[in-house]
mmCIF file of all heavy atoms, coordinates in Angstrom:
data_MODEL
# 
_entry.id   MODEL 
# 
loop_
_atom_site.group_PDB 
_atom_site.id 
_atom_site.type_symbol 
_atom_site.label_atom_id 
_atom_site.label_alt_id 
_atom_site.label_comp_id 
_atom_site.label_asym_id 
_atom_site.label_entity_id 
_atom_site.label_seq_id 
_atom_site.pdbx_PDB_ins_code 
_atom_site.Cartn_x 
_atom_site.Cartn_y 
_atom_site.Cartn_z 
_atom_site.occupancy 
_atom_site.B_iso_or_equiv 
_atom_site.pdbx_formal_charge 
_atom_site.auth_seq_id 
_atom_site.auth_comp_id 
_atom_site.auth_asym_id 
_atom_site.auth_atom_id 
_atom_site.pdbx_PDB_model_num 
ATOM 1   N N   . VAL A 1 1  ? 50.359 108.445 200.516 1.00 0.00 ? 1  VAL A N   1 
ATOM 2   C CA  . VAL A 1 1  ? 49.609 109.600 201.022 1.00 0.00 ? 1  VAL A CA  1 
ATOM 3   C C   . VAL A 1 1  ? 49.014 110.347 199.831 1.00 0.00 ? 1  VAL A C   1 
ATOM 4   O O   . VAL A 1 1  ? 49.741 110.849 198.972 1.00 0.00 ? 1  VAL A O   1 
ATOM 5   C CB  . VAL A 1 1  ? 50.515 110.534 201.841 1.00 0.00 ? 1  VAL A CB  1 
ATOM 6   C CG1 . VAL A 1 1  ? 49.717 111.732 202.358 1.00 0.00 ? 1  VAL A CG1 1 
ATOM 7   C CG2 . VAL A 1 1  ? 51.159 109.787 203.001 1.00 0.00 ? 1  VAL A CG2 1 
ATOM 8   N N   . HIS A 1 2  ? 47.702 110.416 199.779 1.00 0.00 ? 2  HIS A N   1 
ATOM 9   C CA  . HIS A 1 2  ? 47.008 111.089 198.685 1.00 0.00 ? 2  HIS A CA  1 
ATOM 10  C C   . HIS A 1 2  ? 46.849 112.566 199.031 1.00 0.00 ? 2  HIS A C   1 
ATOM 11  O O   . HIS A 1 2  ? 46.176 112.917 200.006 1.00 0.00 ? 2  HIS A O   1 
ATOM 12  C CB  . HIS A 1 2  ? 45.642 110.446 198.452 1.00 0.00 ? 2  HIS A CB  1 
ATOM 13  C CG  . HIS A 1 2  ? 45.717 109.057 197.897 1.00 0.00 ? 2  HIS A CG  1 
ATOM 14  N ND1 . HIS A 1 2  ? 45.384 108.736 196.595 1.00 0.00 ? 2  HIS A ND1 1 
ATOM 15  C CD2 . HIS A 1 2  ? 46.112 107.889 198.474 1.00 0.00 ? 2  HIS A CD2 1 
ATOM 16  C CE1 . HIS A 1 2  ? 45.554 107.438 196.391 1.00 0.00 ? 2  HIS A CE1 1 
ATOM 17  N NE2 . HIS A 1 2  ? 45.989 106.899 197.523 1.00 0.00 ? 2  HIS A NE2 1 
ATOM 18  N N   . ILE A 1 3  ? 47.457 113.418 198.228 1.00 0.00 ? 3  ILE A N   1 
ATOM 19  C CA  . ILE A 1 3  ? 47.338 114.864 198.442 1.00 0.00 ? 3  ILE A CA  1 
ATOM 20  C C   . ILE A 1 3  ? 46.740 115.489 197.186 1.00 0.00 ? 3  ILE A C   1 
ATOM 21  O O   . ILE A 1 3  ? 47.063 115.089 196.062 1.00 0.00 ? 3  ILE A O   1 
ATOM 22  C CB  . ILE A 1 3  ? 48.694 115.508 198.792 1.00 0.00 ? 3  ILE A CB  1 
ATOM 23  C CG1 . ILE A 1 3  ? 49.753 115.213 197.726 1.00 0.00 ? 3  ILE A CG1 1 
ATOM 24  C CG2 . ILE A 1 3  ? 49.180 115.045 200.154 1.00 0.00 ? 3  ILE A CG2 1 
ATOM 25  C CD1 . ILE A 1 3  ? 51.085 115.918 197.967 1.00 0.00 ? 3  ILE A CD1 1 
ATOM 26  N N   . PRO A 1 4  ? 45.863 116.465 197.345 1.00 0.00 ? 4  PRO A N   1 
ATOM 27  C CA  . PRO A 1 4  ? 45.204 117.053 196.175 1.00 0.00 ? 4  PRO A CA  1 
ATOM 28  C C   . PRO A 1 4  ? 46.167 117.889 195.331 1.00 0.00 ? 4  PRO A C   1 
ATOM 29  O O   . PRO A 1 4  ? 47.220 118.321 195.813 1.00 0.00 ? 4  PRO A O   1 
ATOM 30  C CB  . PRO A 1 4  ? 44.117 117.924 196.798 1.00 0.00 ? 4  PRO A CB  1 
ATOM 31  C CG  . PRO A 1 4  ? 44.647 118.274 198.157 1.00 0.00 ? 4  PRO A CG  1 
ATOM 32  C CD  . PRO A 1 4  ? 45.416 117.075 198.612 1.00 0.00 ? 4  PRO A CD  1 
ATOM 33  N N   . ALA A 1 5  ? 45.779 118.142 194.102 1.00 0.00 ? 5  ALA A N   1 
ATOM 34  C CA  . ALA A 1 5  ? 46.599 118.981 193.222 1.00 0.00 ? 5  ALA A CA  1 
ATOM 35  C C   . ALA A 1 5  ? 46.797 120.367 193.819 1.00 0.00 ? 5  ALA A C   1 
ATOM 36  O O   . ALA A 1 5  ? 47.823 121.023 193.591 1.00 0.00 ? 5  ALA A O   1 
ATOM 37  C CB  . ALA A 1 5  ? 45.950 119.075 191.842 1.00 0.00 ? 5  ALA A CB  1 
ATOM 38  N N   . SER A 1 6  ? 45.829 120.807 194.623 1.00 0.00 ? 6  SER A N   1 
ATOM 39  C CA  . SER A 1 6  ? 45.912 122.132 195.251 1.00 0.00 ? 6  SER A CA  1 
ATOM 40  C C   . SER A 1 6  ? 46.998 122.203 196.331 1.00 0.00 ? 6  SER A C   1 
ATOM 41  O O   . SER A 1 6  ? 47.295 123.284 196.838 1.00 0.00 ? 6  SER A O   1 
ATOM 42  C CB  . SER A 1 6  ? 44.564 122.506 195.870 1.00 0.00 ? 6  SER A CB  1 
ATOM 43  O OG  . SER A 1 6  ? 44.176 121.548 196.850 1.00 0.00 ? 6  SER A OG  1 
ATOM 44  N N   . ALA A 1 7  ? 47.613 121.058 196.674 1.00 0.00 ? 7  ALA A N   1 
ATOM 45  C CA  . ALA A 1 7  ? 48.702 121.046 197.659 1.00 0.00 ? 7  ALA A CA  1 
ATOM 46  C C   . ALA A 1 7  ? 50.023 121.505 197.062 1.00 0.00 ? 7  ALA A C   1 
ATOM 47  O O   . ALA A 1 7  ? 50.991 121.737 197.793 1.00 0.00 ? 7  ALA A O   1 
ATOM 48  C CB  . ALA A 1 7  ? 48.861 119.648 198.249 1.00 0.00 ? 7  ALA A CB  1 
ATOM 49  N N   . LEU A 1 8  ? 50.081 121.631 195.741 1.00 0.00 ? 8  LEU A N   1 
ATOM 50  C CA  . LEU A 1 8  ? 51.302 122.078 195.070 1.00 0.00 ? 8  LEU A CA  1 
ATOM 51  C C   . LEU A 1 8  ? 51.616 123.520 195.462 1.00 0.00 ? 8  LEU A C   1 
ATOM 52  O O   . LEU A 1 8  ? 50.756 124.402 195.365 1.00 0.00 ? 8  LEU A O   1 
ATOM 53  C CB  . LEU A 1 8  ? 51.117 121.965 193.559 1.00 0.00 ? 8  LEU A CB  1 
ATOM 54  C CG  . LEU A 1 8  ? 52.273 122.405 192.664 1.00 0.00 ? 8  LEU A CG  1 
ATOM 55  C CD1 . LEU A 1 8  ? 53.465 121.475 192.829 1.00 0.00 ? 8  LEU A CD1 1 
ATOM 56  C CD2 . LEU A 1 8  ? 51.827 122.439 191.196 1.00 0.00 ? 8  LEU A CD2 1 
ATOM 57  N N   . ILE A 1 9  ? 52.856 123.770 195.899 1.00 0.00 ? 9  ILE A N   1 
ATOM 58  C CA  . ILE A 1 9  ? 53.315 125.125 196.214 1.00 0.00 ? 9  ILE A CA  1 
ATOM 59  C C   . ILE A 1 9  ? 54.176 125.599 195.047 1.00 0.00 ? 9  ILE A C   1 
ATOM 60  O O   . ILE A 1 9  ? 55.204 124.996 194.731 1.00 0.00 ? 9  ILE A O   1 
ATOM 61  C CB  . ILE A 1 9  ? 54.119 125.159 197.518 1.00 0.00 ? 9  ILE A CB  1 
ATOM 62  C CG1 . ILE A 1 9  ? 53.267 124.686 198.705 1.00 0.00 ? 9  ILE A CG1 1 
ATOM 63  C CG2 . ILE A 1 9  ? 54.653 126.570 197.785 1.00 0.00 ? 9  ILE A CG2 1 
ATOM 64  C CD1 . ILE A 1 9  ? 54.035 124.594 200.015 1.00 0.00 ? 9  ILE A CD1 1 
ATOM 65  N N   . GLY A 1 10 ? 53.758 126.680 194.423 1.00 0.00 ? 10 GLY A N   1 
ATOM 66  C CA  . GLY A 1 10 ? 54.461 127.122 193.220 1.00 0.00 ? 10 GLY A CA  1 
ATOM 67  C C   . GLY A 1 10 ? 54.153 126.197 192.063 1.00 0.00 ? 10 GLY A C   1 
ATOM 68  O O   . GLY A 1 10 ? 53.022 125.744 191.891 1.00 0.00 ? 10 GLY A O   1 
ATOM 69  N N   . LYS A 1 11 ? 55.190 125.859 191.289 1.00 0.00 ? 11 LYS A N   1 
ATOM 70  C CA  . LYS A 1 11 ? 55.022 124.978 190.133 1.00 0.00 ? 11 LYS A CA  1 
ATOM 71  C C   . LYS A 1 11 ? 55.891 123.733 190.302 1.00 0.00 ? 11 LYS A C   1 
ATOM 72  O O   . LYS A 1 11 ? 56.829 123.716 191.103 1.00 0.00 ? 11 LYS A O   1 
ATOM 73  C CB  . LYS A 1 11 ? 55.433 125.704 188.853 1.00 0.00 ? 11 LYS A CB  1 
ATOM 74  C CG  . LYS A 1 11 ? 54.601 126.934 188.535 1.00 0.00 ? 11 LYS A CG  1 
ATOM 75  C CD  . LYS A 1 11 ? 55.117 127.620 187.280 1.00 0.00 ? 11 LYS A CD  1 
ATOM 76  C CE  . LYS A 1 11 ? 54.312 128.872 186.964 1.00 0.00 ? 11 LYS A CE  1 
ATOM 77  N NZ  . LYS A 1 11 ? 54.841 129.581 185.765 1.00 0.00 ? 11 LYS A NZ  1 
ATOM 78  N N   . GLU A 1 12 ? 55.569 122.702 189.542 1.00 0.00 ? 12 GLU A N   1 
ATOM 79  C CA  . GLU A 1 12 ? 56.423 121.512 189.517 1.00 0.00 ? 12 GLU A CA  1 
ATOM 80  C C   . GLU A 1 12 ? 57.837 121.920 189.084 1.00 0.00 ? 12 GLU A C   1 
ATOM 81  O O   . GLU A 1 12 ? 58.008 122.715 188.166 1.00 0.00 ? 12 GLU A O   1 
ATOM 82  C CB  . GLU A 1 12 ? 55.865 120.458 188.568 1.00 0.00 ? 12 GLU A CB  1 
ATOM 83  C CG  . GLU A 1 12 ? 54.610 119.776 189.076 1.00 0.00 ? 12 GLU A CG  1 
ATOM 84  C CD  . GLU A 1 12 ? 54.179 118.630 188.175 1.00 0.00 ? 12 GLU A CD  1 
ATOM 85  O OE1 . GLU A 1 12 ? 54.920 118.299 187.226 1.00 0.00 ? 12 GLU A OE1 1 
ATOM 86  O OE2 . GLU A 1 12 ? 53.088 118.065 188.417 1.00 0.00 ? 12 GLU A OE2 1 
ATOM 87  N N   . GLY A 1 13 ? 58.832 121.368 189.769 1.00 0.00 ? 13 GLY A N   1 
ATOM 88  C CA  . GLY A 1 13 ? 60.218 121.670 189.441 1.00 0.00 ? 13 GLY A CA  1 
ATOM 89  C C   . GLY A 1 13 ? 60.792 122.872 190.160 1.00 0.00 ? 13 GLY A C   1 
ATOM 90  O O   . GLY A 1 13 ? 61.991 123.147 190.036 1.00 0.00 ? 13 GLY A O   1 
ATOM 91  N N   . GLU A 1 14 ? 59.965 123.594 190.920 1.00 0.00 ? 14 GLU A N   1 
ATOM 92  C CA  . GLU A 1 14 ? 60.452 124.776 191.642 1.00 0.00 ? 14 GLU A CA  1 
ATOM 93  C C   . GLU A 1 14 ? 60.789 124.486 193.098 1.00 0.00 ? 14 GLU A C   1 
ATOM 94  O O   . GLU A 1 14 ? 61.136 125.392 193.849 1.00 0.00 ? 14 GLU A O   1 
ATOM 95  C CB  . GLU A 1 14 ? 59.407 125.888 191.593 1.00 0.00 ? 14 GLU A CB  1 
ATOM 96  C CG  . GLU A 1 14 ? 59.192 126.479 190.213 1.00 0.00 ? 14 GLU A CG  1 
ATOM 97  C CD  . GLU A 1 14 ? 58.213 127.642 190.210 1.00 0.00 ? 14 GLU A CD  1 
ATOM 98  O OE1 . GLU A 1 14 ? 57.460 127.799 191.204 1.00 0.00 ? 14 GLU A OE1 1 
ATOM 99  O OE2 . GLU A 1 14 ? 58.208 128.386 189.214 1.00 0.00 ? 14 GLU A OE2 1 
ATOM 100 N N   . GLY A 1 15 ? 60.713 123.229 193.504 1.00 0.00 ? 15 GLY A N   1 
ATOM 101 C CA  . GLY A 1 15 ? 60.898 122.891 194.908 1.00 0.00 ? 15 GLY A CA  1 
ATOM 102 C C   . GLY A 1 15 ? 62.261 123.250 195.460 1.00 0.00 ? 15 GLY A C   1 
ATOM 103 O O   . GLY A 1 15 ? 62.379 123.761 196.583 1.00 0.00 ? 15 GLY A O   1 
ATOM 104 N N   . PHE A 1 16 ? 63.309 122.986 194.673 1.00 0.00 ? 16 PHE A N   1 
ATOM 105 C CA  . PHE A 1 16 ? 64.659 123.292 195.155 1.00 0.00 ? 16 PHE A CA  1 
ATOM 106 C C   . PHE A 1 16 ? 64.829 124.796 195.328 1.00 0.00 ? 16 PHE A C   1 
ATOM 107 O O   . PHE A 1 16 ? 65.373 125.252 196.348 1.00 0.00 ? 16 PHE A O   1 
ATOM 108 C CB  . PHE A 1 16 ? 65.707 122.745 194.190 1.00 0.00 ? 16 PHE A CB  1 
ATOM 109 C CG  . PHE A 1 16 ? 67.118 122.985 194.634 1.00 0.00 ? 16 PHE A CG  1 
ATOM 110 C CD1 . PHE A 1 16 ? 67.675 122.234 195.649 1.00 0.00 ? 16 PHE A CD1 1 
ATOM 111 C CD2 . PHE A 1 16 ? 67.893 123.977 194.040 1.00 0.00 ? 16 PHE A CD2 1 
ATOM 112 C CE1 . PHE A 1 16 ? 68.985 122.459 196.069 1.00 0.00 ? 16 PHE A CE1 1 
ATOM 113 C CE2 . PHE A 1 16 ? 69.193 124.204 194.450 1.00 0.00 ? 16 PHE A CE2 1 
ATOM 114 C CZ  . PHE A 1 16 ? 69.739 123.449 195.459 1.00 0.00 ? 16 PHE A CZ  1 
ATOM 115 N N   . LYS A 1 17 ? 64.357 125.574 194.361 1.00 0.00 ? 17 LYS A N   1 
ATOM 116 C CA  . LYS A 1 17 ? 64.474 127.034 194.442 1.00 0.00 ? 17 LYS A CA  1 
ATOM 117 C C   . LYS A 1 17 ? 63.731 127.563 195.667 1.00 0.00 ? 17 LYS A C   1 
ATOM 118 O O   . LYS A 1 17 ? 64.253 128.414 196.404 1.00 0.00 ? 17 LYS A O   1 
ATOM 119 C CB  . LYS A 1 17 ? 63.918 127.666 193.167 1.00 0.00 ? 17 LYS A CB  1 
ATOM 120 C CG  . LYS A 1 17 ? 63.964 129.184 193.153 1.00 0.00 ? 17 LYS A CG  1 
ATOM 121 C CD  . LYS A 1 17 ? 63.418 129.747 191.848 1.00 0.00 ? 17 LYS A CD  1 
ATOM 122 C CE  . LYS A 1 17 ? 61.915 129.595 191.771 1.00 0.00 ? 17 LYS A CE  1 
ATOM 123 N NZ  . LYS A 1 17 ? 61.341 130.275 190.572 1.00 0.00 ? 17 LYS A NZ  1 
ATOM 124 N N   . ILE A 1 18 ? 62.528 127.059 195.904 1.00 0.00 ? 18 ILE A N   1 
ATOM 125 C CA  . ILE A 1 18 ? 61.738 127.523 197.052 1.00 0.00 ? 18 ILE A CA  1 
ATOM 126 C C   . ILE A 1 18 ? 62.408 127.114 198.363 1.00 0.00 ? 18 ILE A C   1 
ATOM 127 O O   . ILE A 1 18 ? 62.454 127.893 199.320 1.00 0.00 ? 18 ILE A O   1 
ATOM 128 C CB  . ILE A 1 18 ? 60.303 126.967 196.980 1.00 0.00 ? 18 ILE A CB  1 
ATOM 129 C CG1 . ILE A 1 18 ? 59.578 127.502 195.738 1.00 0.00 ? 18 ILE A CG1 1 
ATOM 130 C CG2 . ILE A 1 18 ? 59.519 127.319 198.240 1.00 0.00 ? 18 ILE A CG2 1 
ATOM 131 C CD1 . ILE A 1 18 ? 58.256 126.815 195.455 1.00 0.00 ? 18 ILE A CD1 1 
ATOM 132 N N   . ALA A 1 19 ? 62.944 125.891 198.402 1.00 0.00 ? 19 ALA A N   1 
ATOM 133 C CA  . ALA A 1 19 ? 63.624 125.419 199.616 1.00 0.00 ? 19 ALA A CA  1 
ATOM 134 C C   . ALA A 1 19 ? 64.847 126.269 199.933 1.00 0.00 ? 19 ALA A C   1 
ATOM 135 O O   . ALA A 1 19 ? 65.084 126.644 201.089 1.00 0.00 ? 19 ALA A O   1 
ATOM 136 C CB  . ALA A 1 19 ? 64.016 123.961 199.468 1.00 0.00 ? 19 ALA A CB  1 
ATOM 137 N N   . MET A 1 20 ? 65.637 126.587 198.904 1.00 0.00 ? 20 MET A N   1 
ATOM 138 C CA  . MET A 1 20 ? 66.836 127.395 199.132 1.00 0.00 ? 20 MET A CA  1 
ATOM 139 C C   . MET A 1 20 ? 66.472 128.819 199.560 1.00 0.00 ? 20 MET A C   1 
ATOM 140 O O   . MET A 1 20 ? 67.137 129.403 200.418 1.00 0.00 ? 20 MET A O   1 
ATOM 141 C CB  . MET A 1 20 ? 67.698 127.426 197.869 1.00 0.00 ? 20 MET A CB  1 
ATOM 142 C CG  . MET A 1 20 ? 68.309 126.080 197.498 1.00 0.00 ? 20 MET A CG  1 
ATOM 143 S SD  . MET A 1 20 ? 69.305 125.317 198.816 1.00 0.00 ? 20 MET A SD  1 
ATOM 144 C CE  . MET A 1 20 ? 68.166 124.056 199.440 1.00 0.00 ? 20 MET A CE  1 
ATOM 145 N N   . LYS A 1 21 ? 65.420 129.360 198.976 1.00 0.00 ? 21 LYS A N   1 
ATOM 146 C CA  . LYS A 1 21 ? 64.973 130.696 199.372 1.00 0.00 ? 21 LYS A CA  1 
ATOM 147 C C   . LYS A 1 21 ? 64.486 130.682 200.829 1.00 0.00 ? 21 LYS A C   1 
ATOM 148 O O   . LYS A 1 21 ? 64.729 131.623 201.590 1.00 0.00 ? 21 LYS A O   1 
ATOM 149 C CB  . LYS A 1 21 ? 63.837 131.148 198.451 1.00 0.00 ? 21 LYS A CB  1 
ATOM 150 C CG  . LYS A 1 21 ? 63.462 132.612 198.591 1.00 0.00 ? 21 LYS A CG  1 
ATOM 151 C CD  . LYS A 1 21 ? 64.527 133.512 198.001 1.00 0.00 ? 21 LYS A CD  1 
ATOM 152 C CE  . LYS A 1 21 ? 64.082 134.965 198.008 1.00 0.00 ? 21 LYS A CE  1 
ATOM 153 N NZ  . LYS A 1 21 ? 65.154 135.867 197.528 1.00 0.00 ? 21 LYS A NZ  1 
ATOM 154 N N   . THR A 1 22 ? 63.821 129.601 201.207 1.00 0.00 ? 22 THR A N   1 
ATOM 155 C CA  . THR A 1 22 ? 63.361 129.446 202.588 1.00 0.00 ? 22 THR A CA  1 
ATOM 156 C C   . THR A 1 22 ? 64.540 129.461 203.553 1.00 0.00 ? 22 THR A C   1 
ATOM 157 O O   . THR A 1 22 ? 64.529 130.157 204.578 1.00 0.00 ? 22 THR A O   1 
ATOM 158 C CB  . THR A 1 22 ? 62.579 128.134 202.734 1.00 0.00 ? 22 THR A CB  1 
ATOM 159 O OG1 . THR A 1 22 ? 61.398 128.189 201.924 1.00 0.00 ? 22 THR A OG1 1 
ATOM 160 C CG2 . THR A 1 22 ? 62.187 127.884 204.183 1.00 0.00 ? 22 THR A CG2 1 
ATOM 161 N N   . LEU A 1 23 ? 65.582 128.686 203.228 1.00 0.00 ? 23 LEU A N   1 
ATOM 162 C CA  . LEU A 1 23 ? 66.756 128.618 204.099 1.00 0.00 ? 23 LEU A CA  1 
ATOM 163 C C   . LEU A 1 23 ? 67.518 129.938 204.103 1.00 0.00 ? 23 LEU A C   1 
ATOM 164 O O   . LEU A 1 23 ? 68.037 130.355 205.148 1.00 0.00 ? 23 LEU A O   1 
ATOM 165 C CB  . LEU A 1 23 ? 67.670 127.477 203.651 1.00 0.00 ? 23 LEU A CB  1 
ATOM 166 C CG  . LEU A 1 23 ? 67.078 126.073 203.807 1.00 0.00 ? 23 LEU A CG  1 
ATOM 167 C CD1 . LEU A 1 23 ? 68.012 125.030 203.211 1.00 0.00 ? 23 LEU A CD1 1 
ATOM 168 C CD2 . LEU A 1 23 ? 66.799 125.760 205.265 1.00 0.00 ? 23 LEU A CD2 1 
ATOM 169 N N   . GLU A 1 24 ? 67.586 130.603 202.961 1.00 0.00 ? 24 GLU A N   1 
ATOM 170 C CA  . GLU A 1 24 ? 68.242 131.913 202.901 1.00 0.00 ? 24 GLU A CA  1 
ATOM 171 C C   . GLU A 1 24 ? 67.608 132.878 203.898 1.00 0.00 ? 24 GLU A C   1 
ATOM 172 O O   . GLU A 1 24 ? 68.303 133.602 204.612 1.00 0.00 ? 24 GLU A O   1 
ATOM 173 C CB  . GLU A 1 24 ? 68.119 132.509 201.492 1.00 0.00 ? 24 GLU A CB  1 
ATOM 174 C CG  . GLU A 1 24 ? 69.083 131.940 200.470 1.00 0.00 ? 24 GLU A CG  1 
ATOM 175 C CD  . GLU A 1 24 ? 68.796 132.481 199.078 1.00 0.00 ? 24 GLU A CD  1 
ATOM 176 O OE1 . GLU A 1 24 ? 67.998 133.456 198.970 1.00 0.00 ? 24 GLU A OE1 1 
ATOM 177 O OE2 . GLU A 1 24 ? 69.340 131.947 198.091 1.00 0.00 ? 24 GLU A OE2 1 
ATOM 178 N N   . GLN A 1 25 ? 66.284 132.897 203.938 1.00 0.00 ? 25 GLN A N   1 
ATOM 179 C CA  . GLN A 1 25 ? 65.595 133.846 204.797 1.00 0.00 ? 25 GLN A CA  1 
ATOM 180 C C   . GLN A 1 25 ? 65.648 133.441 206.263 1.00 0.00 ? 25 GLN A C   1 
ATOM 181 O O   . GLN A 1 25 ? 65.369 134.245 207.151 1.00 0.00 ? 25 GLN A O   1 
ATOM 182 C CB  . GLN A 1 25 ? 64.149 134.010 204.331 1.00 0.00 ? 25 GLN A CB  1 
ATOM 183 C CG  . GLN A 1 25 ? 64.051 134.596 202.930 1.00 0.00 ? 25 GLN A CG  1 
ATOM 184 C CD  . GLN A 1 25 ? 62.786 135.382 202.706 1.00 0.00 ? 25 GLN A CD  1 
ATOM 185 O OE1 . GLN A 1 25 ? 61.946 135.522 203.579 1.00 0.00 ? 25 GLN A OE1 1 
ATOM 186 N NE2 . GLN A 1 25 ? 62.637 135.912 201.507 1.00 0.00 ? 25 GLN A NE2 1 
ATOM 187 N N   . GLY A 1 26 ? 66.005 132.189 206.523 1.00 0.00 ? 26 GLY A N   1 
ATOM 188 C CA  . GLY A 1 26 ? 66.110 131.735 207.902 1.00 0.00 ? 26 GLY A CA  1 
ATOM 189 C C   . GLY A 1 26 ? 67.462 131.957 208.532 1.00 0.00 ? 26 GLY A C   1 
ATOM 190 O O   . GLY A 1 26 ? 67.619 131.794 209.752 1.00 0.00 ? 26 GLY A O   1 
ATOM 191 N N   . ARG A 1 27 ? 68.448 132.362 207.735 1.00 0.00 ? 27 ARG A N   1 
ATOM 192 C CA  . ARG A 1 27 ? 69.814 132.407 208.274 1.00 0.00 ? 27 ARG A CA  1 
ATOM 193 C C   . ARG A 1 27 ? 70.070 133.594 209.181 1.00 0.00 ? 27 ARG A C   1 
ATOM 194 O O   . ARG A 1 27 ? 70.974 133.550 210.015 1.00 0.00 ? 27 ARG A O   1 
ATOM 195 C CB  . ARG A 1 27 ? 70.819 132.338 207.123 1.00 0.00 ? 27 ARG A CB  1 
ATOM 196 C CG  . ARG A 1 27 ? 70.902 130.916 206.595 1.00 0.00 ? 27 ARG A CG  1 
ATOM 197 C CD  . ARG A 1 27 ? 71.835 130.697 205.453 1.00 0.00 ? 27 ARG A CD  1 
ATOM 198 N NE  . ARG A 1 27 ? 71.729 129.305 205.016 1.00 0.00 ? 27 ARG A NE  1 
ATOM 199 C CZ  . ARG A 1 27 ? 71.633 128.916 203.754 1.00 0.00 ? 27 ARG A CZ  1 
ATOM 200 N NH1 . ARG A 1 27 ? 71.632 129.811 202.792 1.00 0.00 ? 27 ARG A NH1 1 
ATOM 201 N NH2 . ARG A 1 27 ? 71.537 127.643 203.456 1.00 0.00 ? 27 ARG A NH2 1 
ATOM 202 N N   . ALA A 1 28 ? 69.293 134.659 209.036 1.00 0.00 ? 28 ALA A N   1 
ATOM 203 C CA  . ALA A 1 28 ? 69.397 135.745 210.018 1.00 0.00 ? 28 ALA A CA  1 
ATOM 204 C C   . ALA A 1 28 ? 68.996 135.228 211.391 1.00 0.00 ? 28 ALA A C   1 
ATOM 205 O O   . ALA A 1 28 ? 69.580 135.602 212.419 1.00 0.00 ? 28 ALA A O   1 
ATOM 206 C CB  . ALA A 1 28 ? 68.508 136.920 209.613 1.00 0.00 ? 28 ALA A CB  1 
# 
């Protein structure tokens, strides 16, 4: 699957941090 560079959310290597923050905010 070819995705453009603009598909990057945040920076490379920040995926785990963003995922955990996402789950943190979903627990309420």
